[in-house]
Amino acid sequence: MDSASRRVIEHAPLVIVDFDGTLATLKTDWVGLKQRLAERCADNKWPWEKDRGLDENLRAVRKQRGESAFIRLCKEVALAEIAGFDAEAVATDLIQLLGDRRTDPVAIVTNNTRLGVNTILQHEVFHGLQARVIGKEDVSQSKPSPAGLSRACRLFVSSPKATVFIGDSDTDERAGQLAGIGIFLRVDPPRAHSLRLAA
């Protein structure tokens, strides 16, 4: 990680970070999970279209069948995320850097479930990291929607322009742009870290 990126992370009033692909890489069986959720929805006569993505289907259930149905499915997603966690695929250098911020806030804004990520964060490899998680359950749309990033900025009373967002994908970068985030740092997959300022 270059020194400029380190300084930016150390001194920003708020750092927001993506989870899967940034802090850790989950080895979740997404295909198998989608199949199980499709079967669950068929049993309950809830909407599910096999050509839609996981998140789009979950949002359709939330809209048509309500919050309790959505949360039930999110719990199954969380279990699959937890099962896919591998402590060897974690960005320990980034976790340490974020942990060193001590009282300065860190938020995790992720398309994963809040339940799954909060459970995974209890693993000892994340020791020292204090972060508020905003997950799938907390927003009406996932990234590239800016909803989660904007929520984090409001929560910590931080100007988006003064906020740093660390992510690994074009989706993350687009969400940052839409939220008006001042600095986006692109990170390579965990265990091969190289932070750089996005162009």
N, C-alpha and C. Protein backbone atom coordinates (compact mmCIF):
# COMPACT_ATOMS: atom_id res chain seq x y z
N MET A 1 0.84 -1.18 0.00
CA MET A 1 0.00 0.00 0.00
C MET A 1 0.89 1.24 0.00
N ASP A 2 0.60 2.18 -0.88
CA ASP A 2 1.47 3.35 -0.96
C ASP A 2 1.21 4.31 0.19
N SER A 3 2.20 5.15 0.46
CA SER A 3 2.13 6.04 1.62
C SER A 3 1.02 7.08 1.49
N ALA A 4 0.73 7.52 0.26
CA ALA A 4 -0.33 8.51 0.07
C ALA A 4 -1.68 7.92 0.48
N SER A 5 -1.92 6.68 0.11
CA SER A 5 -3.18 6.02 0.48
C SER A 5 -3.27 5.84 1.99
N ARG A 6 -2.15 5.48 2.61
CA ARG A 6 -2.13 5.32 4.07
C ARG A 6 -2.49 6.64 4.76
N ARG A 7 -1.92 7.71 4.31
CA ARG A 7 -2.17 9.01 4.92
C ARG A 7 -3.64 9.41 4.77
N VAL A 8 -4.19 9.15 3.60
CA VAL A 8 -5.60 9.47 3.36
C VAL A 8 -6.49 8.71 4.33
N ILE A 9 -6.22 7.41 4.51
CA ILE A 9 -7.02 6.58 5.42
C ILE A 9 -6.82 7.02 6.87
N GLU A 10 -5.61 7.35 7.23
CA GLU A 10 -5.32 7.74 8.62
C GLU A 10 -6.01 9.04 9.02
N HIS A 11 -6.15 9.97 8.08
CA HIS A 11 -6.58 11.32 8.44
C HIS A 11 -7.99 11.69 8.01
N ALA A 12 -8.68 10.85 7.27
CA ALA A 12 -10.04 11.17 6.84
C ALA A 12 -10.99 11.17 8.04
N PRO A 13 -11.95 12.08 8.08
CA PRO A 13 -12.90 12.10 9.19
C PRO A 13 -13.79 10.85 9.23
N LEU A 14 -14.03 10.26 8.08
CA LEU A 14 -14.80 9.02 7.99
C LEU A 14 -14.23 8.17 6.87
N VAL A 15 -14.01 6.89 7.15
CA VAL A 15 -13.63 5.92 6.13
C VAL A 15 -14.74 4.89 6.02
N ILE A 16 -15.21 4.70 4.80
CA ILE A 16 -16.20 3.67 4.51
C ILE A 16 -15.50 2.61 3.67
N VAL A 17 -15.77 1.36 3.96
CA VAL A 17 -15.10 0.28 3.24
C VAL A 17 -16.12 -0.78 2.83
N ASP A 18 -15.95 -1.32 1.65
CA ASP A 18 -16.74 -2.46 1.17
C ASP A 18 -16.26 -3.70 1.91
N PHE A 19 -17.07 -4.76 1.90
CA PHE A 19 -16.66 -5.98 2.60
C PHE A 19 -16.13 -7.05 1.65
N ASP A 20 -17.02 -7.73 0.91
CA ASP A 20 -16.61 -8.86 0.08
C ASP A 20 -15.79 -8.38 -1.12
N GLY A 21 -14.56 -8.85 -1.19
CA GLY A 21 -13.66 -8.43 -2.25
C GLY A 21 -12.72 -7.33 -1.80
N THR A 22 -12.99 -6.75 -0.64
CA THR A 22 -12.17 -5.66 -0.13
C THR A 22 -11.54 -6.03 1.21
N LEU A 23 -12.36 -6.21 2.24
CA LEU A 23 -11.84 -6.65 3.53
C LEU A 23 -11.62 -8.16 3.57
N ALA A 24 -12.46 -8.88 2.87
CA ALA A 24 -12.37 -10.35 2.82
C ALA A 24 -12.92 -10.80 1.48
N THR A 25 -12.61 -12.02 1.11
CA THR A 25 -13.21 -12.61 -0.09
C THR A 25 -13.98 -13.85 0.34
N LEU A 26 -15.30 -13.77 0.23
CA LEU A 26 -16.15 -14.89 0.62
C LEU A 26 -16.14 -15.96 -0.46
N LYS A 27 -16.10 -17.21 -0.03
CA LYS A 27 -16.15 -18.34 -0.97
C LYS A 27 -17.54 -18.99 -0.89
N THR A 28 -18.53 -18.15 -0.97
CA THR A 28 -19.93 -18.58 -0.85
C THR A 28 -20.38 -19.25 -2.14
N ASP A 29 -21.15 -20.31 -2.00
CA ASP A 29 -21.76 -20.99 -3.14
C ASP A 29 -23.02 -20.22 -3.53
N TRP A 30 -22.83 -19.15 -4.31
CA TRP A 30 -23.95 -18.28 -4.67
C TRP A 30 -24.96 -19.00 -5.54
N VAL A 31 -24.51 -19.88 -6.43
CA VAL A 31 -25.44 -20.62 -7.31
C VAL A 31 -26.34 -21.53 -6.48
N GLY A 32 -25.72 -22.28 -5.57
CA GLY A 32 -26.49 -23.16 -4.71
C GLY A 32 -27.45 -22.39 -3.82
N LEU A 33 -26.99 -21.24 -3.32
CA LEU A 33 -27.84 -20.40 -2.48
C LEU A 33 -29.05 -19.92 -3.25
N LYS A 34 -28.85 -19.44 -4.47
CA LYS A 34 -29.98 -18.97 -5.28
C LYS A 34 -30.98 -20.09 -5.51
N GLN A 35 -30.48 -21.29 -5.74
CA GLN A 35 -31.38 -22.42 -5.96
C GLN A 35 -32.21 -22.71 -4.71
N ARG A 36 -31.57 -22.69 -3.55
CA ARG A 36 -32.29 -22.94 -2.30
C ARG A 36 -33.33 -21.85 -2.03
N LEU A 37 -32.97 -20.61 -2.30
CA LEU A 37 -33.92 -19.52 -2.08
C LEU A 37 -35.08 -19.59 -3.06
N ALA A 38 -34.80 -19.99 -4.29
CA ALA A 38 -35.87 -20.14 -5.28
C ALA A 38 -36.86 -21.21 -4.82
N GLU A 39 -36.35 -22.30 -4.27
CA GLU A 39 -37.22 -23.36 -3.77
C GLU A 39 -38.04 -22.87 -2.58
N ARG A 40 -37.40 -22.13 -1.68
CA ARG A 40 -38.09 -21.58 -0.51
C ARG A 40 -39.22 -20.65 -0.96
N CYS A 41 -38.94 -19.82 -1.95
CA CYS A 41 -39.95 -18.89 -2.44
C CYS A 41 -41.10 -19.64 -3.14
N ALA A 42 -40.77 -20.66 -3.88
CA ALA A 42 -41.82 -21.46 -4.53
C ALA A 42 -42.73 -22.10 -3.49
N ASP A 43 -42.14 -22.62 -2.41
CA ASP A 43 -42.93 -23.23 -1.34
C ASP A 43 -43.88 -22.23 -0.69
N ASN A 44 -43.44 -20.98 -0.59
CA ASN A 44 -44.24 -19.94 0.07
C ASN A 44 -45.06 -19.09 -0.89
N LYS A 45 -44.95 -19.44 -2.20
CA LYS A 45 -45.63 -18.66 -3.24
C LYS A 45 -45.17 -17.18 -3.21
N TRP A 46 -43.86 -17.01 -3.00
CA TRP A 46 -43.26 -15.69 -3.07
C TRP A 46 -42.62 -15.52 -4.45
N PRO A 47 -42.46 -14.28 -4.91
CA PRO A 47 -41.90 -14.07 -6.26
C PRO A 47 -40.42 -14.47 -6.32
N TRP A 48 -40.05 -15.11 -7.40
CA TRP A 48 -38.64 -15.42 -7.67
C TRP A 48 -38.52 -15.74 -9.16
N GLU A 49 -37.63 -15.03 -9.82
CA GLU A 49 -37.39 -15.27 -11.25
C GLU A 49 -35.94 -15.71 -11.43
N LYS A 50 -35.77 -16.88 -12.04
CA LYS A 50 -34.42 -17.45 -12.12
C LYS A 50 -33.45 -16.60 -12.94
N ASP A 51 -33.96 -15.76 -13.84
CA ASP A 51 -33.08 -14.92 -14.65
C ASP A 51 -32.68 -13.62 -13.95
N ARG A 52 -33.30 -13.35 -12.80
CA ARG A 52 -32.93 -12.17 -12.02
C ARG A 52 -31.76 -12.48 -11.11
N GLY A 53 -31.05 -11.45 -10.72
CA GLY A 53 -29.97 -11.61 -9.75
C GLY A 53 -30.52 -11.83 -8.35
N LEU A 54 -29.66 -12.29 -7.46
CA LEU A 54 -30.05 -12.55 -6.08
C LEU A 54 -30.68 -11.32 -5.43
N ASP A 55 -29.99 -10.20 -5.51
CA ASP A 55 -30.48 -9.00 -4.84
C ASP A 55 -31.80 -8.52 -5.43
N GLU A 56 -31.92 -8.58 -6.73
CA GLU A 56 -33.16 -8.14 -7.38
C GLU A 56 -34.34 -9.00 -6.92
N ASN A 57 -34.12 -10.30 -6.81
CA ASN A 57 -35.18 -11.18 -6.32
C ASN A 57 -35.54 -10.89 -4.86
N LEU A 58 -34.53 -10.67 -4.03
CA LEU A 58 -34.79 -10.36 -2.63
C LEU A 58 -35.59 -9.07 -2.50
N ARG A 59 -35.26 -8.06 -3.31
CA ARG A 59 -35.99 -6.80 -3.27
C ARG A 59 -37.44 -6.99 -3.72
N ALA A 60 -37.65 -7.87 -4.70
CA ALA A 60 -39.02 -8.15 -5.16
C ALA A 60 -39.84 -8.80 -4.05
N VAL A 61 -39.22 -9.72 -3.31
CA VAL A 61 -39.91 -10.34 -2.18
C VAL A 61 -40.26 -9.28 -1.13
N ARG A 62 -39.30 -8.41 -0.85
CA ARG A 62 -39.54 -7.35 0.15
C ARG A 62 -40.71 -6.48 -0.27
N LYS A 63 -40.75 -6.12 -1.54
CA LYS A 63 -41.79 -5.21 -2.04
C LYS A 63 -43.16 -5.88 -2.05
N GLN A 64 -43.21 -7.15 -2.46
CA GLN A 64 -44.50 -7.82 -2.64
C GLN A 64 -44.98 -8.59 -1.42
N ARG A 65 -44.04 -9.07 -0.57
CA ARG A 65 -44.44 -9.90 0.56
C ARG A 65 -44.09 -9.32 1.92
N GLY A 66 -43.38 -8.19 1.91
CA GLY A 66 -43.14 -7.50 3.17
C GLY A 66 -41.79 -7.78 3.80
N GLU A 67 -41.53 -7.03 4.86
CA GLU A 67 -40.24 -7.06 5.52
C GLU A 67 -39.93 -8.41 6.16
N SER A 68 -40.93 -9.04 6.77
CA SER A 68 -40.65 -10.31 7.47
C SER A 68 -40.20 -11.40 6.51
N ALA A 69 -40.80 -11.45 5.32
CA ALA A 69 -40.38 -12.44 4.32
C ALA A 69 -38.97 -12.14 3.85
N PHE A 70 -38.70 -10.88 3.61
CA PHE A 70 -37.37 -10.45 3.17
C PHE A 70 -36.31 -10.82 4.21
N ILE A 71 -36.58 -10.53 5.47
CA ILE A 71 -35.62 -10.82 6.54
C ILE A 71 -35.40 -12.32 6.69
N ARG A 72 -36.44 -13.11 6.53
CA ARG A 72 -36.28 -14.58 6.58
C ARG A 72 -35.29 -15.05 5.52
N LEU A 73 -35.42 -14.50 4.32
CA LEU A 73 -34.50 -14.89 3.25
C LEU A 73 -33.09 -14.35 3.52
N CYS A 74 -33.01 -13.14 4.05
CA CYS A 74 -31.69 -12.57 4.37
C CYS A 74 -30.96 -13.42 5.41
N LYS A 75 -31.69 -14.03 6.33
CA LYS A 75 -31.05 -14.91 7.31
C LYS A 75 -30.41 -16.11 6.63
N GLU A 76 -31.06 -16.63 5.60
CA GLU A 76 -30.47 -17.74 4.85
C GLU A 76 -29.24 -17.28 4.07
N VAL A 77 -29.31 -16.08 3.51
CA VAL A 77 -28.15 -15.52 2.82
C VAL A 77 -27.00 -15.36 3.81
N ALA A 78 -27.30 -14.85 4.99
CA ALA A 78 -26.26 -14.65 6.01
C ALA A 78 -25.58 -15.96 6.37
N LEU A 79 -26.34 -17.02 6.54
CA LEU A 79 -25.74 -18.32 6.86
C LEU A 79 -24.79 -18.78 5.76
N ALA A 80 -25.17 -18.53 4.51
CA ALA A 80 -24.30 -18.92 3.39
C ALA A 80 -23.05 -18.05 3.35
N GLU A 81 -23.20 -16.78 3.65
CA GLU A 81 -22.03 -15.89 3.69
C GLU A 81 -21.06 -16.34 4.79
N ILE A 82 -21.60 -16.64 5.96
CA ILE A 82 -20.76 -17.09 7.07
C ILE A 82 -20.04 -18.38 6.71
N ALA A 83 -20.76 -19.31 6.06
CA ALA A 83 -20.15 -20.58 5.65
C ALA A 83 -19.05 -20.36 4.61
N GLY A 84 -19.16 -19.28 3.83
CA GLY A 84 -18.17 -18.99 2.80
C GLY A 84 -16.98 -18.18 3.27
N PHE A 85 -16.96 -17.84 4.56
CA PHE A 85 -15.85 -17.05 5.07
C PHE A 85 -14.61 -17.90 5.25
N ASP A 86 -13.47 -17.37 4.83
CA ASP A 86 -12.18 -18.03 4.97
C ASP A 86 -11.20 -17.01 5.56
N ALA A 87 -10.73 -17.26 6.75
CA ALA A 87 -9.83 -16.31 7.42
C ALA A 87 -8.52 -16.12 6.66
N GLU A 88 -8.20 -17.03 5.75
CA GLU A 88 -6.98 -16.88 4.94
C GLU A 88 -7.16 -15.85 3.83
N ALA A 89 -8.42 -15.51 3.53
CA ALA A 89 -8.70 -14.56 2.45
C ALA A 89 -9.18 -13.23 3.04
N VAL A 90 -8.34 -12.67 3.89
CA VAL A 90 -8.67 -11.43 4.59
C VAL A 90 -7.53 -10.44 4.40
N ALA A 91 -7.89 -9.18 4.23
CA ALA A 91 -6.90 -8.11 4.03
C ALA A 91 -6.41 -7.61 5.38
N THR A 92 -5.49 -8.36 5.99
CA THR A 92 -5.05 -8.05 7.35
C THR A 92 -4.36 -6.69 7.44
N ASP A 93 -3.64 -6.29 6.40
CA ASP A 93 -2.97 -4.99 6.45
C ASP A 93 -3.98 -3.85 6.49
N LEU A 94 -5.05 -3.98 5.70
CA LEU A 94 -6.08 -2.96 5.69
C LEU A 94 -6.86 -2.96 7.01
N ILE A 95 -7.13 -4.14 7.54
CA ILE A 95 -7.83 -4.23 8.83
C ILE A 95 -7.01 -3.54 9.92
N GLN A 96 -5.72 -3.76 9.93
CA GLN A 96 -4.86 -3.12 10.93
C GLN A 96 -4.87 -1.60 10.77
N LEU A 97 -4.79 -1.14 9.54
CA LEU A 97 -4.79 0.29 9.27
C LEU A 97 -6.10 0.93 9.73
N LEU A 98 -7.21 0.27 9.46
CA LEU A 98 -8.51 0.79 9.90
C LEU A 98 -8.63 0.73 11.42
N GLY A 99 -8.11 -0.33 12.02
CA GLY A 99 -8.14 -0.46 13.47
C GLY A 99 -7.33 0.61 14.16
N ASP A 100 -6.27 1.07 13.51
CA ASP A 100 -5.41 2.11 14.08
C ASP A 100 -6.09 3.47 14.13
N ARG A 101 -7.24 3.60 13.46
CA ARG A 101 -7.96 4.88 13.50
C ARG A 101 -8.58 5.13 14.88
N ARG A 102 -8.64 4.09 15.69
CA ARG A 102 -9.12 4.16 17.07
C ARG A 102 -10.49 4.82 17.19
N THR A 103 -10.56 6.09 17.59
CA THR A 103 -11.86 6.73 17.80
C THR A 103 -12.44 7.35 16.53
N ASP A 104 -11.67 7.40 15.46
CA ASP A 104 -12.19 7.94 14.20
C ASP A 104 -13.07 6.87 13.54
N PRO A 105 -14.24 7.27 13.05
CA PRO A 105 -15.22 6.26 12.62
C PRO A 105 -14.85 5.53 11.33
N VAL A 106 -15.26 4.26 11.32
CA VAL A 106 -15.17 3.39 10.15
C VAL A 106 -16.54 2.76 9.95
N ALA A 107 -17.02 2.79 8.73
CA ALA A 107 -18.27 2.12 8.38
C ALA A 107 -18.01 1.11 7.29
N ILE A 108 -18.73 0.02 7.33
CA ILE A 108 -18.70 -0.97 6.25
C ILE A 108 -20.04 -0.87 5.54
N VAL A 109 -20.00 -0.54 4.26
CA VAL A 109 -21.21 -0.50 3.45
C VAL A 109 -21.08 -1.60 2.42
N THR A 110 -21.99 -2.56 2.51
CA THR A 110 -21.84 -3.79 1.74
C THR A 110 -23.16 -4.25 1.14
N ASN A 111 -23.07 -4.96 0.03
CA ASN A 111 -24.24 -5.62 -0.55
C ASN A 111 -24.50 -6.96 0.13
N ASN A 112 -23.61 -7.35 1.04
CA ASN A 112 -23.85 -8.54 1.86
C ASN A 112 -24.85 -8.19 2.95
N THR A 113 -25.27 -9.20 3.71
CA THR A 113 -26.20 -8.94 4.80
C THR A 113 -25.46 -8.37 6.01
N ARG A 114 -26.14 -7.49 6.73
CA ARG A 114 -25.56 -6.97 7.97
C ARG A 114 -25.35 -8.11 8.96
N LEU A 115 -26.33 -9.02 9.05
CA LEU A 115 -26.23 -10.15 9.97
C LEU A 115 -25.00 -10.99 9.67
N GLY A 116 -24.79 -11.33 8.41
CA GLY A 116 -23.65 -12.15 8.03
C GLY A 116 -22.33 -11.47 8.31
N VAL A 117 -22.21 -10.21 7.94
CA VAL A 117 -20.95 -9.49 8.12
C VAL A 117 -20.65 -9.27 9.61
N ASN A 118 -21.66 -8.88 10.38
CA ASN A 118 -21.43 -8.69 11.82
C ASN A 118 -20.98 -9.99 12.49
N THR A 119 -21.52 -11.10 12.05
CA THR A 119 -21.10 -12.39 12.61
C THR A 119 -19.66 -12.71 12.22
N ILE A 120 -19.33 -12.49 10.96
CA ILE A 120 -17.97 -12.75 10.48
C ILE A 120 -16.95 -11.86 11.20
N LEU A 121 -17.34 -10.62 11.47
CA LEU A 121 -16.42 -9.68 12.13
C LEU A 121 -16.05 -10.09 13.55
N GLN A 122 -16.76 -11.06 14.11
CA GLN A 122 -16.41 -11.56 15.44
C GLN A 122 -15.17 -12.47 15.41
N HIS A 123 -14.76 -12.88 14.21
CA HIS A 123 -13.55 -13.72 14.10
C HIS A 123 -12.34 -12.93 14.57
N GLU A 124 -11.41 -13.62 15.18
CA GLU A 124 -10.24 -12.96 15.77
C GLU A 124 -9.39 -12.21 14.76
N VAL A 125 -9.47 -12.57 13.50
CA VAL A 125 -8.65 -11.89 12.49
C VAL A 125 -9.04 -10.42 12.36
N PHE A 126 -10.26 -10.08 12.79
CA PHE A 126 -10.72 -8.68 12.72
C PHE A 126 -10.51 -7.93 14.04
N HIS A 127 -9.75 -8.52 14.96
CA HIS A 127 -9.54 -7.90 16.28
C HIS A 127 -9.01 -6.48 16.11
N GLY A 128 -9.61 -5.55 16.83
CA GLY A 128 -9.19 -4.15 16.78
C GLY A 128 -10.00 -3.31 15.82
N LEU A 129 -10.74 -3.94 14.91
CA LEU A 129 -11.55 -3.19 13.96
C LEU A 129 -12.92 -2.91 14.57
N GLN A 130 -13.23 -1.65 14.73
CA GLN A 130 -14.55 -1.23 15.20
C GLN A 130 -15.25 -0.55 14.03
N ALA A 131 -16.31 -1.16 13.54
CA ALA A 131 -16.97 -0.61 12.36
C ALA A 131 -18.47 -0.78 12.46
N ARG A 132 -19.20 0.19 12.01
CA ARG A 132 -20.65 0.12 11.90
C ARG A 132 -20.97 -0.47 10.53
N VAL A 133 -21.77 -1.54 10.50
CA VAL A 133 -22.10 -2.22 9.25
C VAL A 133 -23.46 -1.78 8.74
N ILE A 134 -23.49 -1.37 7.49
CA ILE A 134 -24.73 -1.07 6.78
C ILE A 134 -24.82 -2.09 5.65
N GLY A 135 -25.78 -3.00 5.77
CA GLY A 135 -25.88 -4.09 4.82
C GLY A 135 -27.17 -4.09 4.03
N LYS A 136 -27.41 -5.20 3.39
CA LYS A 136 -28.56 -5.40 2.52
C LYS A 136 -29.88 -5.05 3.20
N GLU A 137 -29.99 -5.35 4.50
CA GLU A 137 -31.22 -5.14 5.23
C GLU A 137 -31.53 -3.66 5.46
N ASP A 138 -30.52 -2.80 5.34
CA ASP A 138 -30.64 -1.41 5.78
C ASP A 138 -30.99 -0.42 4.69
N VAL A 139 -31.01 -0.86 3.45
CA VAL A 139 -31.25 0.06 2.34
C VAL A 139 -32.28 -0.53 1.39
N SER A 140 -32.92 0.35 0.63
CA SER A 140 -33.92 -0.12 -0.33
C SER A 140 -33.28 -0.60 -1.62
N GLN A 141 -32.05 -0.15 -1.90
CA GLN A 141 -31.30 -0.58 -3.07
C GLN A 141 -29.84 -0.76 -2.70
N SER A 142 -29.22 -1.78 -3.27
CA SER A 142 -27.80 -2.02 -3.02
C SER A 142 -26.95 -1.25 -4.02
N LYS A 143 -25.65 -1.21 -3.75
CA LYS A 143 -24.74 -0.55 -4.69
C LYS A 143 -24.90 -1.16 -6.09
N PRO A 144 -24.88 -0.34 -7.13
CA PRO A 144 -24.31 1.01 -7.20
C PRO A 144 -25.19 2.15 -6.69
N SER A 145 -26.35 1.85 -6.13
CA SER A 145 -27.11 2.91 -5.47
C SER A 145 -26.23 3.54 -4.38
N PRO A 146 -26.29 4.85 -4.22
CA PRO A 146 -25.50 5.51 -3.19
C PRO A 146 -26.15 5.45 -1.81
N ALA A 147 -27.27 4.76 -1.66
CA ALA A 147 -28.07 4.81 -0.43
C ALA A 147 -27.26 4.46 0.82
N GLY A 148 -26.49 3.37 0.76
CA GLY A 148 -25.73 2.94 1.93
C GLY A 148 -24.63 3.92 2.29
N LEU A 149 -23.95 4.45 1.29
CA LEU A 149 -22.87 5.41 1.54
C LEU A 149 -23.43 6.71 2.12
N SER A 150 -24.55 7.17 1.56
CA SER A 150 -25.18 8.39 2.07
C SER A 150 -25.66 8.19 3.50
N ARG A 151 -26.18 7.00 3.79
CA ARG A 151 -26.63 6.71 5.15
C ARG A 151 -25.46 6.75 6.14
N ALA A 152 -24.34 6.19 5.74
CA ALA A 152 -23.15 6.20 6.62
C ALA A 152 -22.69 7.63 6.88
N CYS A 153 -22.68 8.46 5.86
CA CYS A 153 -22.26 9.85 6.04
C CYS A 153 -23.20 10.59 6.98
N ARG A 154 -24.50 10.36 6.84
CA ARG A 154 -25.47 11.00 7.74
C ARG A 154 -25.28 10.49 9.17
N LEU A 155 -25.07 9.20 9.31
CA LEU A 155 -24.93 8.59 10.63
C LEU A 155 -23.76 9.20 11.40
N PHE A 156 -22.66 9.44 10.70
CA PHE A 156 -21.46 9.97 11.35
C PHE A 156 -21.29 11.47 11.14
N VAL A 157 -22.33 12.10 10.60
CA VAL A 157 -22.33 13.54 10.36
C VAL A 157 -21.04 13.95 9.64
N SER A 158 -20.77 13.28 8.56
CA SER A 158 -19.56 13.53 7.77
C SER A 158 -19.95 13.98 6.37
N SER A 159 -19.28 14.99 5.89
CA SER A 159 -19.49 15.43 4.52
C SER A 159 -19.01 14.36 3.56
N PRO A 160 -19.81 13.98 2.56
CA PRO A 160 -19.33 13.00 1.57
C PRO A 160 -18.01 13.41 0.93
N LYS A 161 -17.84 14.71 0.69
CA LYS A 161 -16.62 15.20 0.05
C LYS A 161 -15.38 14.95 0.90
N ALA A 162 -15.56 14.87 2.22
CA ALA A 162 -14.43 14.64 3.13
C ALA A 162 -14.26 13.17 3.47
N THR A 163 -15.12 12.33 2.89
CA THR A 163 -15.14 10.90 3.22
C THR A 163 -14.32 10.10 2.22
N VAL A 164 -13.68 9.05 2.71
CA VAL A 164 -12.93 8.11 1.87
C VAL A 164 -13.74 6.82 1.78
N PHE A 165 -13.86 6.29 0.58
CA PHE A 165 -14.53 5.00 0.36
C PHE A 165 -13.54 4.05 -0.29
N ILE A 166 -13.38 2.87 0.31
CA ILE A 166 -12.46 1.85 -0.21
C ILE A 166 -13.28 0.69 -0.75
N GLY A 167 -13.07 0.35 -2.00
CA GLY A 167 -13.80 -0.75 -2.62
C GLY A 167 -12.96 -1.45 -3.65
N ASP A 168 -13.55 -2.47 -4.28
CA ASP A 168 -12.78 -3.29 -5.21
C ASP A 168 -13.36 -3.36 -6.61
N SER A 169 -14.49 -2.67 -6.86
CA SER A 169 -15.18 -2.89 -8.13
C SER A 169 -15.66 -1.60 -8.76
N ASP A 170 -16.03 -1.70 -10.03
CA ASP A 170 -16.64 -0.57 -10.71
C ASP A 170 -17.95 -0.18 -10.04
N THR A 171 -18.67 -1.18 -9.52
CA THR A 171 -19.92 -0.92 -8.80
C THR A 171 -19.67 -0.03 -7.59
N ASP A 172 -18.62 -0.34 -6.84
CA ASP A 172 -18.26 0.49 -5.70
C ASP A 172 -17.90 1.91 -6.14
N GLU A 173 -17.09 2.00 -7.17
CA GLU A 173 -16.66 3.31 -7.63
C GLU A 173 -17.85 4.15 -8.09
N ARG A 174 -18.79 3.52 -8.80
CA ARG A 174 -19.98 4.23 -9.28
C ARG A 174 -20.82 4.71 -8.09
N ALA A 175 -20.99 3.85 -7.08
CA ALA A 175 -21.75 4.24 -5.90
C ALA A 175 -21.11 5.44 -5.22
N GLY A 176 -19.78 5.43 -5.15
CA GLY A 176 -19.07 6.56 -4.55
C GLY A 176 -19.29 7.84 -5.32
N GLN A 177 -19.27 7.75 -6.64
CA GLN A 177 -19.51 8.93 -7.47
C GLN A 177 -20.92 9.48 -7.24
N LEU A 178 -21.90 8.58 -7.21
CA LEU A 178 -23.29 9.00 -7.03
C LEU A 178 -23.53 9.60 -5.65
N ALA A 179 -22.77 9.14 -4.65
CA ALA A 179 -22.92 9.67 -3.29
C ALA A 179 -22.12 10.95 -3.08
N GLY A 180 -21.28 11.32 -4.04
CA GLY A 180 -20.46 12.51 -3.90
C GLY A 180 -19.26 12.32 -3.00
N ILE A 181 -18.79 11.05 -2.88
CA ILE A 181 -17.65 10.75 -2.03
C ILE A 181 -16.40 11.42 -2.60
N GLY A 182 -15.62 12.02 -1.69
CA GLY A 182 -14.46 12.80 -2.12
C GLY A 182 -13.33 11.96 -2.68
N ILE A 183 -13.01 10.84 -2.04
CA ILE A 183 -11.89 10.00 -2.48
C ILE A 183 -12.33 8.55 -2.52
N PHE A 184 -12.12 7.91 -3.65
CA PHE A 184 -12.35 6.47 -3.77
C PHE A 184 -11.00 5.79 -3.94
N LEU A 185 -10.73 4.79 -3.11
CA LEU A 185 -9.52 3.99 -3.22
C LEU A 185 -9.90 2.61 -3.71
N ARG A 186 -9.32 2.22 -4.82
CA ARG A 186 -9.58 0.88 -5.36
C ARG A 186 -8.56 -0.09 -4.77
N VAL A 187 -9.05 -1.24 -4.32
CA VAL A 187 -8.19 -2.22 -3.68
C VAL A 187 -8.25 -3.52 -4.48
N ASP A 188 -7.13 -4.19 -4.59
CA ASP A 188 -7.11 -5.50 -5.23
C ASP A 188 -7.67 -6.53 -4.26
N PRO A 189 -7.98 -7.74 -4.73
CA PRO A 189 -8.52 -8.76 -3.82
C PRO A 189 -7.60 -8.99 -2.63
N PRO A 190 -8.20 -9.30 -1.46
CA PRO A 190 -7.39 -9.55 -0.27
C PRO A 190 -6.27 -10.54 -0.51
N ARG A 191 -5.15 -10.29 0.16
CA ARG A 191 -3.92 -11.08 0.11
C ARG A 191 -3.04 -10.66 -1.06
N ALA A 192 -3.51 -9.73 -1.85
CA ALA A 192 -2.66 -9.19 -2.91
C ALA A 192 -2.91 -7.68 -2.96
N HIS A 193 -2.77 -7.03 -1.81
CA HIS A 193 -3.25 -5.67 -1.67
C HIS A 193 -2.38 -4.62 -2.35
N SER A 194 -3.07 -3.73 -3.02
CA SER A 194 -2.42 -2.58 -3.62
C SER A 194 -3.46 -1.49 -3.72
N LEU A 195 -3.42 -0.53 -2.80
CA LEU A 195 -4.36 0.59 -2.84
C LEU A 195 -3.82 1.67 -3.76
N ARG A 196 -4.74 2.28 -4.49
CA ARG A 196 -4.33 3.41 -5.32
C ARG A 196 -5.49 4.38 -5.40
N LEU A 197 -5.17 5.64 -5.64
CA LEU A 197 -6.21 6.63 -5.84
C LEU A 197 -6.83 6.39 -7.20
N ALA A 198 -8.17 6.39 -7.24
CA ALA A 198 -8.86 6.20 -8.51
C ALA A 198 -8.67 7.44 -9.38
N ALA A 199 -8.60 7.24 -10.68
CA ALA A 199 -8.41 8.37 -11.59
C ALA A 199 -9.66 9.24 -11.61
